[in-house]
Amino acid sequence: MDMVFKMIWTIAISVFIMNRVVTPFLRAITNRSKNAVKQEEESDFEKQEVNIEKMEALHSIEMVKDSYCNTYVQKEKAFQVVNSEGTIHYFCSYKI
């Protein structure tokens, strides 16, 4: 009976130590690693947002409307005619 009591007492002490000492230590380590991962993810996300904005700026294509045939043309490829008032008209072709 004395041996069973010692075994139960040892188990109880072990459980107590696990709950009071080891578990908070493991939680602290886990929380630190979670926070580090979270900060890394946030910085990666910010980098991705900046990259997306740069890519959009590089790949944005300005379109203009051809006033004769009512189609849209890339501004850099459109033919431009400036009238006497200074208004710019864009055309998809130099032929009418």
PDB file of N, CA and C in Angstrom:
ATOM      1  N   MET A   1       0.819  -1.184   0.000  1.00  0.00           N
ATOM      2  CA  MET A   1       0.000   0.000   0.000  1.00  0.00           C
ATOM      3  C   MET A   1       0.869   1.256   0.000  1.00  0.00           C
ATOM      4  N   ASP A   2       1.960   1.190   0.720  1.00  0.00           N
ATOM      5  CA  ASP A   2       2.882   2.322   0.794  1.00  0.00           C
ATOM      6  C   ASP A   2       3.475   2.624  -0.577  1.00  0.00           C
ATOM      7  N   MET A   3       3.756   1.604  -1.379  1.00  0.00           N
ATOM      8  CA  MET A   3       4.326   1.772  -2.700  1.00  0.00           C
ATOM      9  C   MET A   3       3.317   2.419  -3.656  1.00  0.00           C
ATOM     10  N   VAL A   4       2.052   2.044  -3.557  1.00  0.00           N
ATOM     11  CA  VAL A   4       0.994   2.619  -4.384  1.00  0.00           C
ATOM     12  C   VAL A   4       0.828   4.103  -4.041  1.00  0.00           C
ATOM     13  N   PHE A   5       0.871   4.411  -2.772  1.00  0.00           N
ATOM     14  CA  PHE A   5       0.753   5.798  -2.332  1.00  0.00           C
ATOM     15  C   PHE A   5       1.907   6.641  -2.879  1.00  0.00           C
ATOM     16  N   LYS A   6       3.132   6.100  -2.821  1.00  0.00           N
ATOM     17  CA  LYS A   6       4.292   6.823  -3.359  1.00  0.00           C
ATOM     18  C   LYS A   6       4.145   7.049  -4.877  1.00  0.00           C
ATOM     19  N   MET A   7       3.623   6.042  -5.588  1.00  0.00           N
ATOM     20  CA  MET A   7       3.454   6.157  -7.029  1.00  0.00           C
ATOM     21  C   MET A   7       2.408   7.232  -7.354  1.00  0.00           C
ATOM     22  N   ILE A   8       1.292   7.230  -6.622  1.00  0.00           N
ATOM     23  CA  ILE A   8       0.251   8.227  -6.828  1.00  0.00           C
ATOM     24  C   ILE A   8       0.787   9.613  -6.478  1.00  0.00           C
ATOM     25  N   TRP A   9       1.536   9.701  -5.388  1.00  0.00           N
ATOM     26  CA  TRP A   9       2.126  10.974  -4.971  1.00  0.00           C
ATOM     27  C   TRP A   9       3.113  11.480  -6.035  1.00  0.00           C
ATOM     28  N   THR A  10       3.924  10.617  -6.603  1.00  0.00           N
ATOM     29  CA  THR A  10       4.886  10.982  -7.644  1.00  0.00           C
ATOM     30  C   THR A  10       4.158  11.481  -8.893  1.00  0.00           C
ATOM     31  N   ILE A  11       3.088  10.797  -9.251  1.00  0.00           N
ATOM     32  CA  ILE A  11       2.308  11.224 -10.414  1.00  0.00           C
ATOM     33  C   ILE A  11       1.674  12.584 -10.148  1.00  0.00           C
ATOM     34  N   ALA A  12       1.140  12.782  -8.968  1.00  0.00           N
ATOM     35  CA  ALA A  12       0.505  14.059  -8.620  1.00  0.00           C
ATOM     36  C   ALA A  12       1.522  15.192  -8.655  1.00  0.00           C
ATOM     37  N   ILE A  13       2.713  14.962  -8.115  1.00  0.00           N
ATOM     38  CA  ILE A  13       3.773  15.981  -8.128  1.00  0.00           C
ATOM     39  C   ILE A  13       4.180  16.282  -9.572  1.00  0.00           C
ATOM     40  N   SER A  14       4.296  15.240 -10.397  1.00  0.00           N
ATOM     41  CA  SER A  14       4.682  15.422 -11.801  1.00  0.00           C
ATOM     42  C   SER A  14       3.646  16.251 -12.553  1.00  0.00           C
ATOM     43  N   VAL A  15       2.376  15.958 -12.312  1.00  0.00           N
ATOM     44  CA  VAL A  15       1.302  16.712 -12.966  1.00  0.00           C
ATOM     45  C   VAL A  15       1.324  18.165 -12.505  1.00  0.00           C
ATOM     46  N   PHE A  16       1.528  18.369 -11.221  1.00  0.00           N
ATOM     47  CA  PHE A  16       1.605  19.722 -10.673  1.00  0.00           C
ATOM     48  C   PHE A  16       2.756  20.496 -11.319  1.00  0.00           C
ATOM     49  N   ILE A  17       3.916  19.877 -11.397  1.00  0.00           N
ATOM     50  CA  ILE A  17       5.082  20.537 -12.004  1.00  0.00           C
ATOM     51  C   ILE A  17       4.818  20.849 -13.476  1.00  0.00           C
ATOM     52  N   MET A  18       4.203  19.916 -14.193  1.00  0.00           N
ATOM     53  CA  MET A  18       3.889  20.145 -15.608  1.00  0.00           C
ATOM     54  C   MET A  18       2.951  21.346 -15.763  1.00  0.00           C
ATOM     55  N   ASN A  19       1.926  21.414 -14.901  1.00  0.00           N
ATOM     56  CA  ASN A  19       0.958  22.501 -15.015  1.00  0.00           C
ATOM     57  C   ASN A  19       1.527  23.851 -14.602  1.00  0.00           C
ATOM     58  N   ARG A  20       2.379  23.877 -13.589  1.00  0.00           N
ATOM     59  CA  ARG A  20       2.865  25.148 -13.043  1.00  0.00           C
ATOM     60  C   ARG A  20       4.164  25.644 -13.668  1.00  0.00           C
ATOM     61  N   VAL A  21       4.980  24.755 -14.177  1.00  0.00           N
ATOM     62  CA  VAL A  21       6.299  25.166 -14.656  1.00  0.00           C
ATOM     63  C   VAL A  21       6.458  24.954 -16.165  1.00  0.00           C
ATOM     64  N   VAL A  22       6.270  23.749 -16.599  1.00  0.00           N
ATOM     65  CA  VAL A  22       6.577  23.404 -17.984  1.00  0.00           C
ATOM     66  C   VAL A  22       5.556  24.008 -18.952  1.00  0.00           C
ATOM     67  N   THR A  23       4.278  23.929 -18.655  1.00  0.00           N
ATOM     68  CA  THR A  23       3.244  24.419 -19.567  1.00  0.00           C
ATOM     69  C   THR A  23       3.381  25.919 -19.842  1.00  0.00           C
ATOM     70  N   PRO A  24       3.529  26.778 -18.830  1.00  0.00           N
ATOM     71  CA  PRO A  24       3.719  28.206 -19.130  1.00  0.00           C
ATOM     72  C   PRO A  24       4.988  28.472 -19.951  1.00  0.00           C
ATOM     73  N   PHE A  25       6.037  27.727 -19.685  1.00  0.00           N
ATOM     74  CA  PHE A  25       7.272  27.875 -20.451  1.00  0.00           C
ATOM     75  C   PHE A  25       7.033  27.519 -21.922  1.00  0.00           C
ATOM     76  N   LEU A  26       6.339  26.415 -22.164  1.00  0.00           N
ATOM     77  CA  LEU A  26       6.044  26.016 -23.537  1.00  0.00           C
ATOM     78  C   LEU A  26       5.119  27.022 -24.220  1.00  0.00           C
ATOM     79  N   ARG A  27       4.155  27.557 -23.478  1.00  0.00           N
ATOM     80  CA  ARG A  27       3.265  28.580 -24.043  1.00  0.00           C
ATOM     81  C   ARG A  27       4.047  29.828 -24.442  1.00  0.00           C
ATOM     82  N   ALA A  28       4.983  30.234 -23.594  1.00  0.00           N
ATOM     83  CA  ALA A  28       5.792  31.422 -23.897  1.00  0.00           C
ATOM     84  C   ALA A  28       6.613  31.204 -25.159  1.00  0.00           C
ATOM     85  N   ILE A  29       7.209  30.042 -25.280  1.00  0.00           N
ATOM     86  CA  ILE A  29       8.003  29.742 -26.471  1.00  0.00           C
ATOM     87  C   ILE A  29       7.101  29.717 -27.706  1.00  0.00           C
ATOM     88  N   THR A  30       5.956  29.090 -27.596  1.00  0.00           N
ATOM     89  CA  THR A  30       5.030  28.996 -28.724  1.00  0.00           C
ATOM     90  C   THR A  30       4.533  30.373 -29.129  1.00  0.00           C
ATOM     91  N   ASN A  31       4.174  31.210 -28.147  1.00  0.00           N
ATOM     92  CA  ASN A  31       3.689  32.556 -28.460  1.00  0.00           C
ATOM     93  C   ASN A  31       4.764  33.397 -29.135  1.00  0.00           C
ATOM     94  N   ARG A  32       6.008  33.261 -28.693  1.00  0.00           N
ATOM     95  CA  ARG A  32       7.093  34.008 -29.336  1.00  0.00           C
ATOM     96  C   ARG A  32       7.247  33.591 -30.786  1.00  0.00           C
ATOM     97  N   SER A  33       7.211  32.299 -31.034  1.00  0.00           N
ATOM     98  CA  SER A  33       7.367  31.843 -32.410  1.00  0.00           C
ATOM     99  C   SER A  33       6.163  32.247 -33.263  1.00  0.00           C
ATOM    100  N   LYS A  34       4.954  32.212 -32.676  1.00  0.00           N
ATOM    101  CA  LYS A  34       3.758  32.655 -33.414  1.00  0.00           C
ATOM    102  C   LYS A  34       3.854  34.137 -33.753  1.00  0.00           C
ATOM    103  N   ASN A  35       4.307  34.953 -32.788  1.00  0.00           N
ATOM    104  CA  ASN A  35       4.444  36.385 -33.032  1.00  0.00           C
ATOM    105  C   ASN A  35       5.490  36.660 -34.105  1.00  0.00           C
ATOM    106  N   ALA A  36       6.586  35.921 -34.086  1.00  0.00           N
ATOM    107  CA  ALA A  36       7.625  36.100 -35.096  1.00  0.00           C
ATOM    108  C   ALA A  36       7.091  35.754 -36.481  1.00  0.00           C
ATOM    109  N   VAL A  37       6.354  34.664 -36.569  1.00  0.00           N
ATOM    110  CA  VAL A  37       5.773  34.256 -37.851  1.00  0.00           C
ATOM    111  C   VAL A  37       4.754  35.299 -38.308  1.00  0.00           C
ATOM    112  N   LYS A  38       3.950  35.800 -37.378  1.00  0.00           N
ATOM    113  CA  LYS A  38       2.936  36.795 -37.715  1.00  0.00           C
ATOM    114  C   LYS A  38       3.588  38.071 -38.242  1.00  0.00           C
ATOM    115  N   GLN A  39       4.657  38.538 -37.593  1.00  0.00           N
ATOM    116  CA  GLN A  39       5.353  39.735 -38.051  1.00  0.00           C
ATOM    117  C   GLN A  39       5.982  39.504 -39.419  1.00  0.00           C
ATOM    118  N   GLU A  40       6.535  38.330 -39.627  1.00  0.00           N
ATOM    119  CA  GLU A  40       7.135  38.004 -40.919  1.00  0.00           C
ATOM    120  C   GLU A  40       6.066  37.981 -42.006  1.00  0.00           C
ATOM    121  N   GLU A  41       4.902  37.399 -41.713  1.00  0.00           N
ATOM    122  CA  GLU A  41       3.809  37.363 -42.678  1.00  0.00           C
ATOM    123  C   GLU A  41       3.322  38.769 -42.999  1.00  0.00           C
ATOM    124  N   GLU A  42       3.229  39.638 -41.963  1.00  0.00           N
ATOM    125  CA  GLU A  42       2.781  41.005 -42.191  1.00  0.00           C
ATOM    126  C   GLU A  42       3.770  41.757 -43.080  1.00  0.00           C
ATOM    127  N   SER A  43       5.071  41.586 -42.825  1.00  0.00           N
ATOM    128  CA  SER A  43       6.051  42.278 -43.658  1.00  0.00           C
ATOM    129  C   SER A  43       6.040  41.719 -45.075  1.00  0.00           C
ATOM    130  N   ASP A  44       5.846  40.411 -45.241  1.00  0.00           N
ATOM    131  CA  ASP A  44       5.735  39.825 -46.574  1.00  0.00           C
ATOM    132  C   ASP A  44       4.515  40.372 -47.293  1.00  0.00           C
ATOM    133  N   PHE A  45       3.406  40.517 -46.553  1.00  0.00           N
ATOM    134  CA  PHE A  45       2.180  41.047 -47.141  1.00  0.00           C
ATOM    135  C   PHE A  45       2.393  42.479 -47.613  1.00  0.00           C
ATOM    136  N   GLU A  46       3.075  43.299 -46.789  1.00  0.00           N
ATOM    137  CA  GLU A  46       3.348  44.683 -47.180  1.00  0.00           C
ATOM    138  C   GLU A  46       4.236  44.727 -48.415  1.00  0.00           C
ATOM    139  N   LYS A  47       5.221  43.844 -48.489  1.00  0.00           N
ATOM    140  CA  LYS A  47       6.092  43.784 -49.661  1.00  0.00           C
ATOM    141  C   LYS A  47       5.286  43.396 -50.893  1.00  0.00           C
ATOM    142  N   GLN A  48       4.356  42.454 -50.747  1.00  0.00           N
ATOM    143  CA  GLN A  48       3.528  42.036 -51.873  1.00  0.00           C
ATOM    144  C   GLN A  48       2.640  43.180 -52.347  1.00  0.00           C
ATOM    145  N   GLU A  49       2.082  43.955 -51.398  1.00  0.00           N
ATOM    146  CA  GLU A  49       1.248  45.094 -51.779  1.00  0.00           C
ATOM    147  C   GLU A  49       2.047  46.105 -52.577  1.00  0.00           C
ATOM    148  N   VAL A  50       3.275  46.392 -52.135  1.00  0.00           N
ATOM    149  CA  VAL A  50       4.127  47.333 -52.851  1.00  0.00           C
ATOM    150  C   VAL A  50       4.445  46.802 -54.234  1.00  0.00           C
ATOM    151  N   ASN A  51       4.758  45.515 -54.331  1.00  0.00           N
ATOM    152  CA  ASN A  51       5.064  44.914 -55.629  1.00  0.00           C
ATOM    153  C   ASN A  51       3.858  44.957 -56.560  1.00  0.00           C
ATOM    154  N   ILE A  52       2.673  44.718 -56.028  1.00  0.00           N
ATOM    155  CA  ILE A  52       1.461  44.765 -56.846  1.00  0.00           C
ATOM    156  C   ILE A  52       1.246  46.178 -57.377  1.00  0.00           C
ATOM    157  N   GLU A  53       1.432  47.177 -56.505  1.00  0.00           N
ATOM    158  CA  GLU A  53       1.261  48.567 -56.938  1.00  0.00           C
ATOM    159  C   GLU A  53       2.270  48.916 -58.027  1.00  0.00           C
ATOM    160  N   LYS A  54       3.512  48.470 -57.885  1.00  0.00           N
ATOM    161  CA  LYS A  54       4.528  48.729 -58.903  1.00  0.00           C
ATOM    162  C   LYS A  54       4.164  48.051 -60.211  1.00  0.00           C
ATOM    163  N   MET A  55       3.703  46.809 -60.134  1.00  0.00           N
ATOM    164  CA  MET A  55       3.334  46.070 -61.338  1.00  0.00           C
ATOM    165  C   MET A  55       2.151  46.733 -62.045  1.00  0.00           C
ATOM    166  N   GLU A  56       1.178  47.188 -61.262  1.00  0.00           N
ATOM    167  CA  GLU A  56       0.032  47.858 -61.867  1.00  0.00           C
ATOM    168  C   GLU A  56       0.464  49.135 -62.565  1.00  0.00           C
ATOM    169  N   ALA A  57       1.382  49.871 -61.945  1.00  0.00           N
ATOM    170  CA  ALA A  57       1.867  51.102 -62.561  1.00  0.00           C
ATOM    171  C   ALA A  57       2.624  50.803 -63.850  1.00  0.00           C
ATOM    172  N   LEU A  58       3.382  49.722 -63.856  1.00  0.00           N
ATOM    173  CA  LEU A  58       4.142  49.361 -65.050  1.00  0.00           C
ATOM    174  C   LEU A  58       3.243  48.854 -66.169  1.00  0.00           C
ATOM    175  N   HIS A  59       2.190  48.161 -65.805  1.00  0.00           N
ATOM    176  CA  HIS A  59       1.342  47.521 -66.800  1.00  0.00           C
ATOM    177  C   HIS A  59       0.041  48.257 -67.087  1.00  0.00           C
ATOM    178  N   SER A  60      -0.114  49.437 -66.543  1.00  0.00           N
ATOM    179  CA  SER A  60      -1.349  50.164 -66.831  1.00  0.00           C
ATOM    180  C   SER A  60      -1.260  50.725 -68.248  1.00  0.00           C
ATOM    181  N   ILE A  61      -2.318  50.554 -68.978  1.00  0.00           N
ATOM    182  CA  ILE A  61      -2.376  51.006 -70.358  1.00  0.00           C
ATOM    183  C   ILE A  61      -3.490  52.036 -70.454  1.00  0.00           C
ATOM    184  N   GLU A  62      -3.129  53.222 -70.878  1.00  0.00           N
ATOM    185  CA  GLU A  62      -4.129  54.264 -71.021  1.00  0.00           C
ATOM    186  C   GLU A  62      -4.792  54.121 -72.382  1.00  0.00           C
ATOM    187  N   MET A  63      -6.102  54.068 -72.364  1.00  0.00           N
ATOM    188  CA  MET A  63      -6.872  53.910 -73.599  1.00  0.00           C
ATOM    189  C   MET A  63      -7.570  55.231 -73.920  1.00  0.00           C
ATOM    190  N   VAL A  64      -7.649  55.533 -75.210  1.00  0.00           N
ATOM    191  CA  VAL A  64      -8.345  56.730 -75.669  1.00  0.00           C
ATOM    192  C   VAL A  64      -9.372  56.316 -76.717  1.00  0.00           C
ATOM    193  N   LYS A  65     -10.390  57.148 -76.884  1.00  0.00           N
ATOM    194  CA  LYS A  65     -11.472  56.817 -77.811  1.00  0.00           C
ATOM    195  C   LYS A  65     -11.246  57.516 -79.155  1.00  0.00           C
ATOM    196  N   ASP A  66     -11.350  56.725 -80.198  1.00  0.00           N
ATOM    197  CA  ASP A  66     -11.307  57.267 -81.554  1.00  0.00           C
ATOM    198  C   ASP A  66     -12.656  57.925 -81.801  1.00  0.00           C
ATOM    199  N   SER A  67     -12.641  59.229 -82.042  1.00  0.00           N
ATOM    200  CA  SER A  67     -13.901  59.956 -82.187  1.00  0.00           C
ATOM    201  C   SER A  67     -14.591  59.694 -83.531  1.00  0.00           C
ATOM    202  N   TYR A  68     -13.898  59.077 -84.474  1.00  0.00           N
ATOM    203  CA  TYR A  68     -14.498  58.803 -85.778  1.00  0.00           C
ATOM    204  C   TYR A  68     -15.222  57.452 -85.785  1.00  0.00           C
ATOM    205  N   CYS A  69     -14.510  56.387 -85.368  1.00  0.00           N
ATOM    206  CA  CYS A  69     -15.141  55.052 -85.427  1.00  0.00           C
ATOM    207  C   CYS A  69     -15.561  54.519 -84.049  1.00  0.00           C
ATOM    208  N   ASN A  70     -15.412  55.329 -83.014  1.00  0.00           N
ATOM    209  CA  ASN A  70     -15.853  54.999 -81.647  1.00  0.00           C
ATOM    210  C   ASN A  70     -15.226  53.729 -81.079  1.00  0.00           C
ATOM    211  N   THR A  71     -13.963  53.488 -81.403  1.00  0.00           N
ATOM    212  CA  THR A  71     -13.237  52.370 -80.795  1.00  0.00           C
ATOM    213  C   THR A  71     -12.202  52.927 -79.834  1.00  0.00           C
ATOM    214  N   TYR A  72     -11.716  52.061 -78.984  1.00  0.00           N
ATOM    215  CA  TYR A  72     -10.684  52.476 -78.039  1.00  0.00           C
ATOM    216  C   TYR A  72      -9.325  51.959 -78.508  1.00  0.00           C
ATOM    217  N   VAL A  73      -8.330  52.827 -78.370  1.00  0.00           N
ATOM    218  CA  VAL A  73      -6.973  52.543 -78.833  1.00  0.00           C
ATOM    219  C   VAL A  73      -6.018  52.892 -77.704  1.00  0.00           C
ATOM    220  N   GLN A  74      -4.888  52.165 -77.639  1.00  0.00           N
ATOM    221  CA  GLN A  74      -3.864  52.529 -76.667  1.00  0.00           C
ATOM    222  C   GLN A  74      -3.344  53.920 -77.017  1.00  0.00           C
ATOM    223  N   LYS A  75      -3.234  54.769 -76.016  1.00  0.00           N
ATOM    224  CA  LYS A  75      -2.859  56.159 -76.244  1.00  0.00           C
ATOM    225  C   LYS A  75      -1.515  56.269 -76.956  1.00  0.00           C
ATOM    226  N   GLU A  76      -0.581  55.412 -76.580  1.00  0.00           N
ATOM    227  CA  GLU A  76       0.756  55.503 -77.179  1.00  0.00           C
ATOM    228  C   GLU A  76       0.776  55.037 -78.635  1.00  0.00           C
ATOM    229  N   LYS A  77      -0.228  54.291 -79.059  1.00  0.00           N
ATOM    230  CA  LYS A  77      -0.289  53.810 -80.441  1.00  0.00           C
ATOM    231  C   LYS A  77      -1.268  54.612 -81.304  1.00  0.00           C
ATOM    232  N   ALA A  78      -2.050  55.478 -80.691  1.00  0.00           N
ATOM    233  CA  ALA A  78      -3.073  56.228 -81.420  1.00  0.00           C
ATOM    234  C   ALA A  78      -2.432  57.364 -82.215  1.00  0.00           C
ATOM    235  N   PHE A  79      -3.069  57.701 -83.308  1.00  0.00           N
ATOM    236  CA  PHE A  79      -2.674  58.864 -84.098  1.00  0.00           C
ATOM    237  C   PHE A  79      -3.346  60.078 -83.489  1.00  0.00           C
ATOM    238  N   GLN A  80      -2.569  61.143 -83.298  1.00  0.00           N
ATOM    239  CA  GLN A  80      -3.088  62.322 -82.633  1.00  0.00           C
ATOM    240  C   GLN A  80      -3.189  63.484 -83.616  1.00  0.00           C
ATOM    241  N   VAL A  81      -4.293  64.185 -83.517  1.00  0.00           N
ATOM    242  CA  VAL A  81      -4.486  65.397 -84.314  1.00  0.00           C
ATOM    243  C   VAL A  81      -4.896  66.496 -83.350  1.00  0.00           C
ATOM    244  N   VAL A  82      -4.212  67.624 -83.447  1.00  0.00           N
ATOM    245  CA  VAL A  82      -4.521  68.763 -82.586  1.00  0.00           C
ATOM    246  C   VAL A  82      -5.195  69.821 -83.452  1.00  0.00           C
ATOM    247  N   ASN A  83      -6.380  70.251 -83.056  1.00  0.00           N
ATOM    248  CA  ASN A  83      -7.088  71.275 -83.829  1.00  0.00           C
ATOM    249  C   ASN A  83      -6.604  72.662 -83.424  1.00  0.00           C
ATOM    250  N   SER A  84      -7.167  73.677 -84.027  1.00  0.00           N
ATOM    251  CA  SER A  84      -6.721  75.055 -83.789  1.00  0.00           C
ATOM    252  C   SER A  84      -6.994  75.533 -82.355  1.00  0.00           C
ATOM    253  N   GLU A  85      -7.940  74.887 -81.684  1.00  0.00           N
ATOM    254  CA  GLU A  85      -8.244  75.252 -80.296  1.00  0.00           C
ATOM    255  C   GLU A  85      -7.329  74.555 -79.300  1.00  0.00           C
ATOM    256  N   GLY A  86      -6.496  73.632 -79.781  1.00  0.00           N
ATOM    257  CA  GLY A  86      -5.581  72.904 -78.911  1.00  0.00           C
ATOM    258  C   GLY A  86      -6.148  71.595 -78.387  1.00  0.00           C
ATOM    259  N   THR A  87      -7.324  71.208 -78.836  1.00  0.00           N
ATOM    260  CA  THR A  87      -7.932  69.947 -78.423  1.00  0.00           C
ATOM    261  C   THR A  87      -7.285  68.803 -79.182  1.00  0.00           C
ATOM    262  N   ILE A  88      -6.927  67.762 -78.465  1.00  0.00           N
ATOM    263  CA  ILE A  88      -6.295  66.599 -79.090  1.00  0.00           C
ATOM    264  C   ILE A  88      -7.370  65.566 -79.419  1.00  0.00           C
ATOM    265  N   HIS A  89      -7.339  65.084 -80.657  1.00  0.00           N
ATOM    266  CA  HIS A  89      -8.240  64.019 -81.096  1.00  0.00           C
ATOM    267  C   HIS A  89      -7.390  62.802 -81.414  1.00  0.00           C
ATOM    268  N   TYR A  90      -7.883  61.649 -81.000  1.00  0.00           N
ATOM    269  CA  TYR A  90      -7.139  60.405 -81.193  1.00  0.00           C
ATOM    270  C   TYR A  90      -7.852  59.540 -82.229  1.00  0.00           C
ATOM    271  N   PHE A  91      -7.046  58.857 -83.067  1.00  0.00           N
ATOM    272  CA  PHE A  91      -7.598  57.998 -84.118  1.00  0.00           C
ATOM    273  C   PHE A  91      -6.844  56.678 -84.139  1.00  0.00           C
ATOM    274  N   CYS A  92      -7.554  55.620 -84.511  1.00  0.00           N
ATOM    275  CA  CYS A  92      -6.934  54.302 -84.562  1.00  0.00           C
ATOM    276  C   CYS A  92      -6.132  54.110 -85.851  1.00  0.00           C
ATOM    277  N   SER A  93      -6.390  54.922 -86.878  1.00  0.00           N
ATOM    278  CA  SER A  93      -5.692  54.817 -88.139  1.00  0.00           C
ATOM    279  C   SER A  93      -5.533  56.202 -88.734  1.00  0.00           C
ATOM    280  N   TYR A  94      -4.524  56.383 -89.594  1.00  0.00           N
ATOM    281  CA  TYR A  94      -4.370  57.665 -90.260  1.00  0.00           C
ATOM    282  C   TYR A  94      -5.244  57.737 -91.520  1.00  0.00           C
ATOM    283  N   LYS A  95      -5.851  56.615 -91.899  1.00  0.00           N
ATOM    284  CA  LYS A  95      -6.740  56.573 -93.066  1.00  0.00           C
ATOM    285  C   LYS A  95      -8.193  56.707 -92.603  1.00  0.00           C
ATOM    286  N   ILE A  96      -8.972  57.386 -93.390  1.00  0.00           N
ATOM    287  CA  ILE A  96     -10.406  57.506 -93.069  1.00  0.00           C
ATOM    288  C   ILE A  96     -11.215  56.832 -94.139  1.00  0.00           C
TER     289      ILE A  96
END
